[in-house]
Amino acid sequence: MNEPTEWIDVAAEAELIDADVVAVPAMGREIALYLVEGEVYATDNRCTHGDARLSEGFVIDHCIECPLHQGQFDVRTGEPLCTPVTEPLRVWRVRREGGRILVALDSPEGGAPSAPAA
């Protein structure tokens, strides 16, 4: 995988609570950050089914449950796990550095393809 061209500082590690999700702004989009079993994951914050904010949902193991229709996604891969969701989430690369969380928005790891450049 190519090294991303830019890492965006989005949050302090101290802002994250284990087994929870928080929304953070990042270059014109909203990202959901998850801390699960000591690992940090990042996805787009909008459900691919009902356009709900995933940061208002529930983290169960490595899954986020959408608050609107209770569909679930794996936060590691973006894969949908149960209906009504069928389209994967965009998943972003994450790095920890000096107590901060950085996300590579130009380099999605999986899930839905990144939006075309304008």
Protein backbone atom coordinates (compact mmCIF):
# COMPACT_ATOMS: atom_id res chain seq x y z
CA MET A 1 0.00 0.00 0.00
CA ASN A 2 1.34 3.45 -0.84
CA GLU A 3 2.23 5.75 2.03
CA PRO A 4 -0.46 8.44 2.35
CA THR A 5 0.60 11.92 1.40
CA GLU A 6 -0.90 13.64 4.43
CA TRP A 7 -1.84 12.68 7.98
CA ILE A 8 -4.52 14.87 9.60
CA ASP A 9 -4.47 15.47 13.37
CA VAL A 10 -8.07 14.87 14.47
CA ALA A 11 -8.11 14.26 18.24
CA ALA A 12 -6.21 13.68 21.46
CA GLU A 13 -5.94 10.05 22.55
CA ALA A 14 -7.36 11.16 25.92
CA GLU A 15 -10.67 12.05 24.20
CA LEU A 16 -11.33 8.39 23.38
CA ILE A 17 -13.07 6.00 25.76
CA ASP A 18 -12.70 2.24 25.36
CA ALA A 19 -15.64 0.59 23.58
CA ASP A 20 -17.05 3.94 22.48
CA VAL A 21 -17.21 6.19 19.42
CA VAL A 22 -16.66 9.92 18.98
CA ALA A 23 -17.23 12.17 15.97
CA VAL A 24 -14.43 14.50 14.86
CA PRO A 25 -14.24 16.97 11.98
CA ALA A 26 -11.50 16.39 9.41
CA MET A 27 -11.02 18.46 6.26
CA GLY A 28 -14.69 19.02 5.49
CA ARG A 29 -15.97 15.59 6.50
CA GLU A 30 -16.97 13.97 9.76
CA ILE A 31 -15.01 10.95 10.93
CA ALA A 32 -16.03 8.43 13.59
CA LEU A 33 -13.17 7.34 15.86
CA TYR A 34 -13.44 4.13 17.86
CA LEU A 35 -11.26 2.81 20.68
CA VAL A 36 -11.70 -0.96 20.95
CA GLU A 37 -9.41 -3.19 23.02
CA GLY A 38 -6.64 -0.59 22.90
CA GLU A 39 -6.77 -0.08 19.12
CA VAL A 40 -8.07 3.04 17.36
CA TYR A 41 -10.15 2.77 14.19
CA ALA A 42 -11.63 5.45 11.92
CA THR A 43 -14.57 5.34 9.51
CA ASP A 44 -16.85 7.84 7.86
CA ASN A 45 -19.46 8.91 10.41
CA ARG A 46 -22.50 8.36 8.16
CA CYS A 47 -24.30 5.05 7.78
CA THR A 48 -24.36 3.90 4.17
CA HIS A 49 -28.01 2.88 4.51
CA GLY A 50 -29.94 5.60 6.33
CA ASP A 51 -27.47 8.52 6.52
CA ALA A 52 -27.52 8.41 10.35
CA ARG A 53 -24.55 9.59 12.43
CA LEU A 54 -22.74 6.45 13.57
CA SER A 55 -21.24 8.38 16.49
CA GLU A 56 -24.75 8.27 18.00
CA GLY A 57 -24.75 4.47 17.79
CA PHE A 58 -23.40 1.73 20.02
CA VAL A 59 -20.02 -0.03 19.92
CA ILE A 60 -20.28 -3.78 20.53
CA ASP A 61 -16.90 -5.54 20.33
CA HIS A 62 -15.50 -4.43 16.94
CA CYS A 63 -18.91 -3.43 15.58
CA ILE A 64 -20.78 -0.15 15.40
CA GLU A 65 -24.56 -0.34 15.48
CA CYS A 66 -26.37 2.37 13.54
CA PRO A 67 -28.84 4.24 15.77
CA LEU A 68 -31.45 4.53 13.00
CA HIS A 69 -32.14 0.97 11.81
CA GLN A 70 -29.71 -1.08 13.96
CA GLY A 71 -27.57 -2.22 11.05
CA GLN A 72 -24.00 -3.09 12.05
CA PHE A 73 -20.55 -2.58 10.53
CA ASP A 74 -17.15 -3.99 11.48
CA VAL A 75 -15.09 -0.90 12.42
CA ARG A 76 -11.86 -2.65 11.33
CA THR A 77 -12.96 -3.32 7.75
CA GLY A 78 -16.15 -1.31 7.17
CA GLU A 79 -17.97 -4.48 6.12
CA PRO A 80 -21.73 -4.59 6.75
CA LEU A 81 -22.65 -7.34 9.21
CA CYS A 82 -26.44 -7.43 9.18
CA THR A 83 -29.42 -5.97 7.39
CA PRO A 84 -30.57 -3.45 6.50
CA VAL A 85 -27.02 -2.28 5.69
CA THR A 86 -25.46 -3.74 2.54
CA GLU A 87 -22.86 -1.16 1.46
CA PRO A 88 -19.53 -1.03 3.32
CA LEU A 89 -18.26 1.99 5.23
CA ARG A 90 -15.16 3.85 4.18
CA VAL A 91 -12.36 2.98 6.64
CA TRP A 92 -9.38 5.30 7.15
CA ARG A 93 -5.80 4.58 8.18
CA VAL A 94 -4.99 5.70 11.72
CA ARG A 95 -1.72 6.53 13.44
CA ARG A 96 -0.94 7.53 17.04
CA GLU A 97 1.76 10.11 17.55
CA GLY A 98 2.65 12.05 20.70
CA GLY A 99 -0.72 11.45 22.35
CA ARG A 100 -2.61 12.51 19.22
CA ILE A 101 -4.72 10.56 16.72
CA LEU A 102 -3.90 11.14 13.05
CA VAL A 103 -5.98 9.94 10.10
CA ALA A 104 -4.92 9.60 6.45
CA LEU A 105 -7.97 10.86 4.56
CA ASP A 106 -6.31 10.44 1.18
CA SER A 107 -5.80 6.73 1.74
CA PRO A 108 -8.88 4.66 2.64
CA GLU A 109 -8.10 1.14 3.87
CA GLY A 110 -11.22 -0.58 2.68
CA GLY A 111 -14.95 -0.30 2.52
CA ALA A 112 -16.48 2.09 0.03
CA PRO A 113 -14.10 3.66 -2.49
CA SER A 114 -12.90 7.16 -1.75
CA ALA A 115 -14.69 10.04 -3.39
CA PRO A 116 -13.12 11.19 -6.66
CA ALA A 117 -10.90 14.24 -6.49
CA ALA A 118 -12.63 17.48 -7.43
